[in-house]
Amino acid sequence: MKEIFNNKYIELSFFNTEAECRFFIKELNVNHILHLEGTDGPFTACIVFFNSFTNEKLFIITFNTYDDGTFINMLHWGSSDIFVLHTEAFLFLINDKLEVLHKSRTFFNVSLSITKGNNLLVLEETDIMLIKPSGEIILDEGLPDVLESWSISDNILKIVTSKGEKSCIIY
C-alpha cells in the first residue's frame, strides 16, 4: 500500500551496514541525500521519497538506528510541508530542501499531533513539547510522572499521570 501525501510517497528500507546502504543509494542514482548526523545504532535506515504521479525518486534521508521500524514514526505536516521523523531517540523536522529545522532527543514512546494553531504537539513519557513550523520550541514542560493518557478538546490538552490530572492550553 502506498500512502500519498503532498504528491509524494515513501519507501523505508533497513541495512545491516552503512556500506550496504551506500550501494543501494548509488544504484538509485539520486542526487539529493540527507544523512541525519548524530544518530546511532548498528542499522542504517533509508527513506526514499518518490513523486506519486511519475515515481521519480526525489530525495533520500538516511539515519542510523537500533530499531527495526517499531519505534519509528513519520508525520507529514501538510500545511507547512514539513516531514516529521521520530526515531527511537530523536525528533527531526525536515523541509523539502532537506534542511533540518529542529532536532531534539526523545524517548521511545512519543505521540505526535498537529494542533489547530499549526504547531506540532509532541507528547513523551514525561514531557510535553510544542514546536512551531520554524523549529522553535514554544513549550517544553516536564510532567510530574509518566504519562498514562491524554486528550485534546477545544485547544485544551488534558493529561493524566499516576500523580493526577493536568490541563494546559495549546495553540
N, C-alpha and C. Protein backbone atom coordinates (compact mmCIF):
# COMPACT_ATOMS: atom_id res chain seq x y z
N MET A 1 0.84 -1.17 0.00
CA MET A 1 0.00 0.00 0.00
C MET A 1 0.88 1.24 0.00
N LYS A 2 0.55 2.21 -0.83
CA LYS A 2 1.24 3.49 -0.84
C LYS A 2 0.39 4.51 -0.12
N GLU A 3 1.03 5.23 0.78
CA GLU A 3 0.35 6.33 1.44
C GLU A 3 0.88 7.61 0.80
N ILE A 4 0.01 8.35 0.14
CA ILE A 4 0.42 9.53 -0.62
C ILE A 4 0.13 10.78 0.19
N PHE A 5 1.11 11.67 0.25
CA PHE A 5 0.97 12.95 0.93
C PHE A 5 1.69 13.99 0.10
N ASN A 6 1.03 15.08 -0.18
CA ASN A 6 1.61 16.19 -0.95
C ASN A 6 2.32 15.71 -2.22
N ASN A 7 1.66 14.81 -2.95
CA ASN A 7 2.18 14.24 -4.20
C ASN A 7 3.49 13.47 -4.02
N LYS A 8 3.67 12.89 -2.86
CA LYS A 8 4.84 12.08 -2.58
C LYS A 8 4.41 10.79 -1.89
N TYR A 9 5.26 9.79 -2.00
CA TYR A 9 5.13 8.61 -1.16
C TYR A 9 6.55 8.18 -0.80
N ILE A 10 6.66 7.34 0.19
CA ILE A 10 7.98 6.93 0.67
C ILE A 10 8.11 5.42 0.71
N GLU A 11 9.35 4.98 0.66
CA GLU A 11 9.70 3.59 0.92
C GLU A 11 10.80 3.60 1.96
N LEU A 12 10.66 2.78 2.98
CA LEU A 12 11.61 2.70 4.08
C LEU A 12 12.33 1.36 4.01
N SER A 13 13.66 1.39 4.01
CA SER A 13 14.47 0.17 3.97
C SER A 13 15.48 0.22 5.10
N PHE A 14 15.91 -0.97 5.55
CA PHE A 14 16.92 -1.07 6.60
C PHE A 14 18.09 -1.90 6.08
N PHE A 15 19.29 -1.50 6.51
CA PHE A 15 20.50 -2.19 6.08
C PHE A 15 21.36 -2.51 7.29
N ASN A 16 22.08 -3.64 7.21
CA ASN A 16 22.94 -4.06 8.31
C ASN A 16 24.21 -3.22 8.42
N THR A 17 24.63 -2.63 7.30
CA THR A 17 25.83 -1.80 7.32
C THR A 17 25.59 -0.53 6.51
N GLU A 18 26.39 0.50 6.79
CA GLU A 18 26.32 1.73 6.01
C GLU A 18 26.77 1.48 4.58
N ALA A 19 27.71 0.55 4.40
CA ALA A 19 28.20 0.22 3.05
C ALA A 19 27.06 -0.34 2.19
N GLU A 20 26.23 -1.21 2.75
CA GLU A 20 25.07 -1.74 2.01
C GLU A 20 24.13 -0.61 1.62
N CYS A 21 23.91 0.33 2.53
CA CYS A 21 23.03 1.46 2.25
C CYS A 21 23.62 2.34 1.15
N ARG A 22 24.92 2.62 1.23
CA ARG A 22 25.57 3.44 0.19
C ARG A 22 25.43 2.79 -1.18
N PHE A 23 25.61 1.46 -1.25
CA PHE A 23 25.46 0.74 -2.51
C PHE A 23 24.03 0.87 -3.04
N PHE A 24 23.06 0.71 -2.15
CA PHE A 24 21.65 0.84 -2.52
C PHE A 24 21.37 2.23 -3.09
N ILE A 25 21.87 3.26 -2.42
CA ILE A 25 21.65 4.64 -2.85
C ILE A 25 22.33 4.90 -4.20
N LYS A 26 23.53 4.37 -4.36
CA LYS A 26 24.25 4.54 -5.62
C LYS A 26 23.45 3.96 -6.79
N GLU A 27 22.82 2.82 -6.56
CA GLU A 27 22.01 2.18 -7.60
C GLU A 27 20.76 2.99 -7.93
N LEU A 28 20.27 3.77 -6.98
CA LEU A 28 19.07 4.58 -7.21
C LEU A 28 19.36 5.83 -8.03
N ASN A 29 20.62 6.29 -7.98
CA ASN A 29 21.03 7.46 -8.76
C ASN A 29 20.21 8.70 -8.37
N VAL A 30 20.25 9.04 -7.09
CA VAL A 30 19.55 10.21 -6.57
C VAL A 30 20.60 11.21 -6.06
N ASN A 31 20.45 12.46 -6.43
CA ASN A 31 21.45 13.48 -6.06
C ASN A 31 21.20 14.12 -4.71
N HIS A 32 19.96 14.17 -4.27
CA HIS A 32 19.61 14.88 -3.04
C HIS A 32 19.49 13.89 -1.90
N ILE A 33 20.53 13.89 -1.04
CA ILE A 33 20.59 12.92 0.05
C ILE A 33 20.92 13.66 1.35
N LEU A 34 20.19 13.35 2.39
CA LEU A 34 20.46 13.90 3.72
C LEU A 34 20.73 12.74 4.66
N HIS A 35 21.92 12.74 5.26
CA HIS A 35 22.20 11.78 6.33
C HIS A 35 22.07 12.53 7.65
N LEU A 36 21.21 12.05 8.52
CA LEU A 36 20.97 12.71 9.80
C LEU A 36 22.11 12.37 10.76
N GLU A 37 22.95 13.36 10.97
CA GLU A 37 24.14 13.20 11.81
C GLU A 37 23.74 13.05 13.28
N GLY A 38 24.58 12.37 14.02
CA GLY A 38 24.37 12.25 15.46
C GLY A 38 23.42 11.12 15.84
N THR A 39 22.92 10.39 14.86
CA THR A 39 22.09 9.23 15.17
C THR A 39 23.02 8.04 15.35
N ASP A 40 22.60 7.06 16.11
CA ASP A 40 23.47 5.93 16.34
C ASP A 40 22.70 4.63 16.32
N GLY A 41 23.43 3.55 16.14
CA GLY A 41 22.84 2.23 16.10
C GLY A 41 23.51 1.40 15.03
N PRO A 42 23.33 0.08 15.10
CA PRO A 42 24.01 -0.82 14.17
C PRO A 42 23.37 -0.87 12.78
N PHE A 43 22.14 -0.41 12.65
CA PHE A 43 21.45 -0.47 11.36
C PHE A 43 21.39 0.91 10.73
N THR A 44 21.28 0.94 9.42
CA THR A 44 21.08 2.19 8.70
C THR A 44 19.72 2.14 8.04
N ALA A 45 18.90 3.12 8.33
CA ALA A 45 17.58 3.23 7.71
C ALA A 45 17.68 4.20 6.54
N CYS A 46 16.93 3.91 5.50
CA CYS A 46 16.95 4.73 4.29
C CYS A 46 15.51 4.99 3.88
N ILE A 47 15.14 6.27 3.82
CA ILE A 47 13.79 6.65 3.39
C ILE A 47 13.92 7.30 2.01
N VAL A 48 13.30 6.68 1.02
CA VAL A 48 13.33 7.22 -0.34
C VAL A 48 11.99 7.89 -0.60
N PHE A 49 12.02 9.14 -1.03
CA PHE A 49 10.82 9.90 -1.36
C PHE A 49 10.62 9.88 -2.87
N PHE A 50 9.41 9.56 -3.30
CA PHE A 50 9.08 9.46 -4.72
C PHE A 50 7.98 10.45 -5.07
N ASN A 51 7.95 10.90 -6.31
CA ASN A 51 6.83 11.64 -6.85
C ASN A 51 5.71 10.62 -7.03
N SER A 52 4.54 10.88 -6.50
CA SER A 52 3.45 9.90 -6.52
C SER A 52 2.85 9.70 -7.91
N PHE A 53 3.06 10.63 -8.81
CA PHE A 53 2.50 10.52 -10.16
C PHE A 53 3.48 9.89 -11.14
N THR A 54 4.74 10.32 -11.06
CA THR A 54 5.74 9.87 -12.04
C THR A 54 6.65 8.77 -11.49
N ASN A 55 6.61 8.53 -10.18
CA ASN A 55 7.51 7.59 -9.49
C ASN A 55 8.98 8.03 -9.53
N GLU A 56 9.23 9.28 -9.90
CA GLU A 56 10.58 9.82 -9.89
C GLU A 56 11.10 9.84 -8.46
N LYS A 57 12.36 9.44 -8.28
CA LYS A 57 12.99 9.49 -6.96
C LYS A 57 13.38 10.94 -6.69
N LEU A 58 12.84 11.52 -5.63
CA LEU A 58 13.05 12.94 -5.34
C LEU A 58 14.25 13.17 -4.44
N PHE A 59 14.29 12.50 -3.29
CA PHE A 59 15.40 12.64 -2.36
C PHE A 59 15.39 11.48 -1.38
N ILE A 60 16.48 11.40 -0.62
CA ILE A 60 16.67 10.30 0.32
C ILE A 60 17.10 10.88 1.67
N ILE A 61 16.57 10.30 2.73
CA ILE A 61 17.01 10.61 4.09
C ILE A 61 17.49 9.31 4.72
N THR A 62 18.70 9.34 5.30
CA THR A 62 19.24 8.16 5.98
C THR A 62 19.59 8.51 7.42
N PHE A 63 19.58 7.49 8.27
CA PHE A 63 19.99 7.67 9.66
C PHE A 63 20.34 6.31 10.24
N ASN A 64 21.14 6.33 11.29
CA ASN A 64 21.49 5.09 11.98
C ASN A 64 20.47 4.85 13.09
N THR A 65 20.27 3.56 13.39
CA THR A 65 19.23 3.21 14.35
C THR A 65 19.50 1.86 15.01
N TYR A 66 18.97 1.68 16.19
CA TYR A 66 18.93 0.38 16.85
C TYR A 66 17.63 -0.34 16.53
N ASP A 67 16.73 0.36 15.92
CA ASP A 67 15.34 -0.06 15.74
C ASP A 67 15.13 -0.79 14.42
N ASP A 68 14.13 -1.65 14.40
CA ASP A 68 13.74 -2.36 13.19
C ASP A 68 12.52 -1.71 12.53
N GLY A 69 12.16 -0.54 13.00
CA GLY A 69 10.99 0.16 12.47
C GLY A 69 9.86 0.27 13.48
N THR A 70 9.93 -0.47 14.57
CA THR A 70 8.88 -0.48 15.58
C THR A 70 8.66 0.89 16.20
N PHE A 71 9.75 1.60 16.48
CA PHE A 71 9.63 2.88 17.17
C PHE A 71 9.85 4.08 16.25
N ILE A 72 9.81 3.86 14.96
CA ILE A 72 9.98 4.96 14.01
C ILE A 72 8.60 5.49 13.63
N ASN A 73 8.42 6.79 13.83
CA ASN A 73 7.16 7.45 13.48
C ASN A 73 7.44 8.53 12.44
N MET A 74 6.55 8.65 11.47
CA MET A 74 6.68 9.68 10.45
C MET A 74 5.35 10.42 10.32
N LEU A 75 5.46 11.72 10.15
CA LEU A 75 4.26 12.55 10.03
C LEU A 75 4.54 13.61 8.98
N HIS A 76 3.60 13.80 8.06
CA HIS A 76 3.73 14.90 7.11
C HIS A 76 2.93 16.07 7.66
N TRP A 77 3.60 17.17 7.92
CA TRP A 77 3.00 18.39 8.44
C TRP A 77 2.55 19.17 7.22
N GLY A 78 1.39 18.81 6.69
CA GLY A 78 0.91 19.26 5.40
C GLY A 78 0.90 20.75 5.16
N SER A 79 0.33 21.53 6.05
CA SER A 79 0.20 22.97 5.81
C SER A 79 1.55 23.67 5.81
N SER A 80 2.55 23.06 6.40
CA SER A 80 3.89 23.65 6.43
C SER A 80 4.87 22.90 5.54
N ASP A 81 4.41 21.82 4.93
CA ASP A 81 5.22 20.96 4.06
C ASP A 81 6.53 20.55 4.74
N ILE A 82 6.37 20.04 5.95
CA ILE A 82 7.50 19.57 6.75
C ILE A 82 7.30 18.09 7.02
N PHE A 83 8.39 17.35 6.93
CA PHE A 83 8.40 15.94 7.24
C PHE A 83 8.91 15.80 8.68
N VAL A 84 8.12 15.19 9.53
CA VAL A 84 8.50 14.97 10.93
C VAL A 84 8.91 13.51 11.06
N LEU A 85 10.11 13.29 11.54
CA LEU A 85 10.64 11.94 11.71
C LEU A 85 11.02 11.75 13.17
N HIS A 86 10.45 10.71 13.78
CA HIS A 86 10.83 10.36 15.14
C HIS A 86 11.48 8.98 15.08
N THR A 87 12.77 8.94 15.42
CA THR A 87 13.45 7.66 15.56
C THR A 87 13.30 7.25 17.01
N GLU A 88 13.94 6.17 17.41
CA GLU A 88 13.78 5.77 18.81
C GLU A 88 14.44 6.73 19.77
N ALA A 89 15.25 7.66 19.28
CA ALA A 89 15.97 8.55 20.18
C ALA A 89 15.92 10.02 19.81
N PHE A 90 15.45 10.35 18.60
CA PHE A 90 15.49 11.74 18.14
C PHE A 90 14.20 12.12 17.42
N LEU A 91 13.92 13.42 17.46
CA LEU A 91 12.82 14.00 16.70
C LEU A 91 13.44 15.01 15.72
N PHE A 92 13.10 14.87 14.44
CA PHE A 92 13.62 15.77 13.40
C PHE A 92 12.46 16.42 12.66
N LEU A 93 12.59 17.70 12.35
CA LEU A 93 11.70 18.40 11.43
C LEU A 93 12.54 18.75 10.21
N ILE A 94 12.10 18.28 9.04
CA ILE A 94 12.90 18.41 7.82
C ILE A 94 12.00 18.99 6.73
N ASN A 95 12.49 20.01 6.01
CA ASN A 95 11.71 20.58 4.92
C ASN A 95 12.12 19.94 3.58
N ASP A 96 11.43 20.34 2.49
CA ASP A 96 11.70 19.77 1.17
C ASP A 96 13.08 20.13 0.62
N LYS A 97 13.72 21.13 1.21
CA LYS A 97 15.08 21.50 0.79
C LYS A 97 16.11 20.66 1.55
N LEU A 98 15.62 19.69 2.33
CA LEU A 98 16.44 18.81 3.16
C LEU A 98 17.21 19.58 4.23
N GLU A 99 16.58 20.63 4.74
CA GLU A 99 17.13 21.38 5.86
C GLU A 99 16.50 20.85 7.15
N VAL A 100 17.34 20.57 8.12
CA VAL A 100 16.84 20.13 9.42
C VAL A 100 16.47 21.38 10.20
N LEU A 101 15.18 21.57 10.42
CA LEU A 101 14.67 22.74 11.13
C LEU A 101 14.72 22.57 12.64
N HIS A 102 14.69 21.32 13.07
CA HIS A 102 14.67 21.03 14.51
C HIS A 102 15.21 19.62 14.73
N LYS A 103 15.98 19.46 15.80
CA LYS A 103 16.43 18.14 16.24
C LYS A 103 16.44 18.16 17.76
N SER A 104 15.82 17.17 18.36
CA SER A 104 15.87 17.05 19.82
C SER A 104 15.89 15.59 20.22
N ARG A 105 16.42 15.32 21.39
CA ARG A 105 16.46 13.96 21.92
C ARG A 105 15.09 13.63 22.48
N THR A 106 14.64 12.40 22.26
CA THR A 106 13.33 11.97 22.74
C THR A 106 13.40 10.56 23.31
N PHE A 107 12.27 10.10 23.82
CA PHE A 107 12.15 8.73 24.30
C PHE A 107 11.50 7.86 23.23
N PHE A 108 11.37 6.57 23.52
CA PHE A 108 10.75 5.64 22.59
C PHE A 108 9.29 5.98 22.31
N ASN A 109 8.52 6.13 23.36
CA ASN A 109 7.08 6.31 23.22
C ASN A 109 6.75 7.79 23.05
N VAL A 110 6.43 8.16 21.84
CA VAL A 110 6.12 9.54 21.52
C VAL A 110 4.83 9.58 20.72
N SER A 111 3.98 10.55 21.05
CA SER A 111 2.77 10.81 20.25
C SER A 111 2.94 12.15 19.57
N LEU A 112 2.55 12.22 18.30
CA LEU A 112 2.69 13.44 17.50
C LEU A 112 1.32 13.88 17.02
N SER A 113 1.08 15.19 17.05
CA SER A 113 -0.19 15.73 16.57
C SER A 113 0.01 17.17 16.14
N ILE A 114 -0.68 17.57 15.07
CA ILE A 114 -0.68 18.96 14.64
C ILE A 114 -1.87 19.65 15.30
N THR A 115 -1.61 20.77 15.93
CA THR A 115 -2.67 21.50 16.64
C THR A 115 -3.45 22.39 15.68
N LYS A 116 -4.57 22.91 16.16
CA LYS A 116 -5.37 23.85 15.35
C LYS A 116 -4.60 25.11 15.02
N GLY A 117 -3.63 25.46 15.85
CA GLY A 117 -2.79 26.64 15.62
C GLY A 117 -1.59 26.35 14.72
N ASN A 118 -1.56 25.16 14.09
CA ASN A 118 -0.50 24.74 13.18
C ASN A 118 0.86 24.62 13.88
N ASN A 119 0.85 24.06 15.06
CA ASN A 119 2.08 23.72 15.77
C ASN A 119 2.12 22.22 15.97
N LEU A 120 3.30 21.69 16.20
CA LEU A 120 3.46 20.26 16.43
C LEU A 120 3.46 19.98 17.92
N LEU A 121 2.53 19.16 18.36
CA LEU A 121 2.47 18.72 19.75
C LEU A 121 3.20 17.39 19.85
N VAL A 122 4.17 17.33 20.75
CA VAL A 122 4.94 16.11 20.99
C VAL A 122 4.72 15.71 22.44
N LEU A 123 4.14 14.55 22.63
CA LEU A 123 3.93 14.02 23.99
C LEU A 123 4.87 12.84 24.18
N GLU A 124 5.75 12.98 25.16
CA GLU A 124 6.66 11.90 25.51
C GLU A 124 6.18 11.30 26.83
N GLU A 125 6.89 10.31 27.28
CA GLU A 125 6.51 9.66 28.53
C GLU A 125 6.48 10.62 29.70
N THR A 126 7.39 11.59 29.71
CA THR A 126 7.49 12.51 30.85
C THR A 126 7.63 13.97 30.43
N ASP A 127 7.22 14.32 29.20
CA ASP A 127 7.43 15.67 28.71
C ASP A 127 6.38 16.05 27.68
N ILE A 128 6.06 17.34 27.65
CA ILE A 128 5.17 17.92 26.63
C ILE A 128 6.00 18.96 25.88
N MET A 129 5.94 18.90 24.56
CA MET A 129 6.65 19.89 23.76
C MET A 129 5.72 20.40 22.66
N LEU A 130 5.78 21.70 22.40
CA LEU A 130 5.02 22.33 21.32
C LEU A 130 6.04 23.06 20.46
N ILE A 131 6.03 22.76 19.15
CA ILE A 131 7.05 23.28 18.25
C ILE A 131 6.39 24.00 17.08
N LYS A 132 6.89 25.20 16.76
CA LYS A 132 6.42 25.95 15.59
C LYS A 132 6.98 25.33 14.32
N PRO A 133 6.38 25.61 13.15
CA PRO A 133 6.93 25.10 11.89
C PRO A 133 8.38 25.53 11.63
N SER A 134 8.81 26.62 12.22
CA SER A 134 10.19 27.08 12.06
C SER A 134 11.18 26.23 12.86
N GLY A 135 10.67 25.37 13.74
CA GLY A 135 11.51 24.55 14.60
C GLY A 135 11.67 25.12 16.00
N GLU A 136 11.14 26.31 16.22
CA GLU A 136 11.23 26.95 17.53
C GLU A 136 10.33 26.23 18.54
N ILE A 137 10.89 25.91 19.69
CA ILE A 137 10.12 25.27 20.76
C ILE A 137 9.40 26.38 21.54
N ILE A 138 8.07 26.29 21.60
CA ILE A 138 7.32 27.31 22.33
C ILE A 138 6.79 26.79 23.67
N LEU A 139 6.88 25.48 23.88
CA LEU A 139 6.53 24.90 25.17
C LEU A 139 7.36 23.65 25.35
N ASP A 140 8.01 23.55 26.47
CA ASP A 140 8.77 22.35 26.82
C ASP A 140 8.62 22.17 28.32
N GLU A 141 7.73 21.28 28.70
CA GLU A 141 7.36 21.16 30.11
C GLU A 141 7.43 19.70 30.54
N GLY A 142 8.10 19.47 31.64
CA GLY A 142 8.17 18.14 32.21
C GLY A 142 6.90 17.78 32.94
N LEU A 143 6.61 16.50 32.99
CA LEU A 143 5.44 16.01 33.72
C LEU A 143 5.87 15.47 35.08
N PRO A 144 4.97 15.48 36.06
CA PRO A 144 5.34 15.01 37.40
C PRO A 144 5.56 13.50 37.46
N ASP A 145 5.08 12.79 36.46
CA ASP A 145 5.20 11.33 36.44
C ASP A 145 4.99 10.87 35.00
N VAL A 146 5.04 9.58 34.76
CA VAL A 146 4.87 9.03 33.42
C VAL A 146 3.44 9.25 32.92
N LEU A 147 3.32 9.70 31.69
CA LEU A 147 2.04 9.96 31.05
C LEU A 147 1.26 8.66 30.91
N GLU A 148 0.02 8.66 31.38
CA GLU A 148 -0.83 7.47 31.27
C GLU A 148 -1.85 7.61 30.15
N SER A 149 -2.46 8.81 30.04
CA SER A 149 -3.42 9.05 28.96
C SER A 149 -3.52 10.55 28.72
N TRP A 150 -4.13 10.89 27.59
CA TRP A 150 -4.28 12.30 27.26
C TRP A 150 -5.42 12.47 26.27
N SER A 151 -5.94 13.72 26.22
CA SER A 151 -6.99 14.06 25.26
C SER A 151 -6.89 15.55 24.95
N ILE A 152 -7.41 15.92 23.78
CA ILE A 152 -7.43 17.33 23.37
C ILE A 152 -8.86 17.68 23.01
N SER A 153 -9.33 18.82 23.54
CA SER A 153 -10.65 19.33 23.21
C SER A 153 -10.60 20.85 23.29
N ASP A 154 -10.98 21.51 22.19
CA ASP A 154 -11.01 22.98 22.15
C ASP A 154 -9.68 23.61 22.60
N ASN A 155 -8.58 23.12 22.07
CA ASN A 155 -7.24 23.62 22.37
C ASN A 155 -6.81 23.43 23.82
N ILE A 156 -7.50 22.57 24.55
CA ILE A 156 -7.11 22.25 25.92
C ILE A 156 -6.59 20.81 25.93
N LEU A 157 -5.34 20.67 26.33
CA LEU A 157 -4.73 19.36 26.46
C LEU A 157 -4.91 18.90 27.90
N LYS A 158 -5.52 17.75 28.08
CA LYS A 158 -5.69 17.16 29.40
C LYS A 158 -4.83 15.91 29.46
N ILE A 159 -3.96 15.87 30.45
CA ILE A 159 -3.10 14.71 30.61
C ILE A 159 -3.34 14.08 31.98
N VAL A 160 -3.12 12.78 32.04
CA VAL A 160 -3.31 12.03 33.28
C VAL A 160 -2.02 11.27 33.56
N THR A 161 -1.50 11.44 34.78
CA THR A 161 -0.38 10.64 35.27
C THR A 161 -0.84 9.99 36.56
N SER A 162 0.00 9.15 37.13
CA SER A 162 -0.38 8.50 38.40
C SER A 162 -0.50 9.54 39.54
N LYS A 163 0.07 10.73 39.32
CA LYS A 163 0.00 11.78 40.35
C LYS A 163 -1.15 12.75 40.12
N GLY A 164 -2.01 12.45 39.14
CA GLY A 164 -3.17 13.29 38.93
C GLY A 164 -3.32 13.80 37.51
N GLU A 165 -4.28 14.73 37.35
CA GLU A 165 -4.57 15.33 36.05
C GLU A 165 -3.96 16.71 35.95
N LYS A 166 -3.71 17.11 34.70
CA LYS A 166 -3.19 18.44 34.43
C LYS A 166 -3.78 18.89 33.10
N SER A 167 -4.08 20.18 32.99
CA SER A 167 -4.60 20.73 31.74
C SER A 167 -3.72 21.92 31.34
N CYS A 168 -3.58 22.10 30.02
CA CYS A 168 -2.87 23.27 29.54
C CYS A 168 -3.43 23.65 28.16
N ILE A 169 -3.34 24.92 27.84
CA ILE A 169 -3.81 25.42 26.55
C ILE A 169 -2.71 25.22 25.54
N ILE A 170 -3.07 24.66 24.39
CA ILE A 170 -2.11 24.50 23.29
C ILE A 170 -2.61 25.26 22.09
N TYR A 171 -1.71 25.83 21.35
CA TYR A 171 -2.07 26.64 20.18
C TYR A 171 -1.59 25.98 18.93
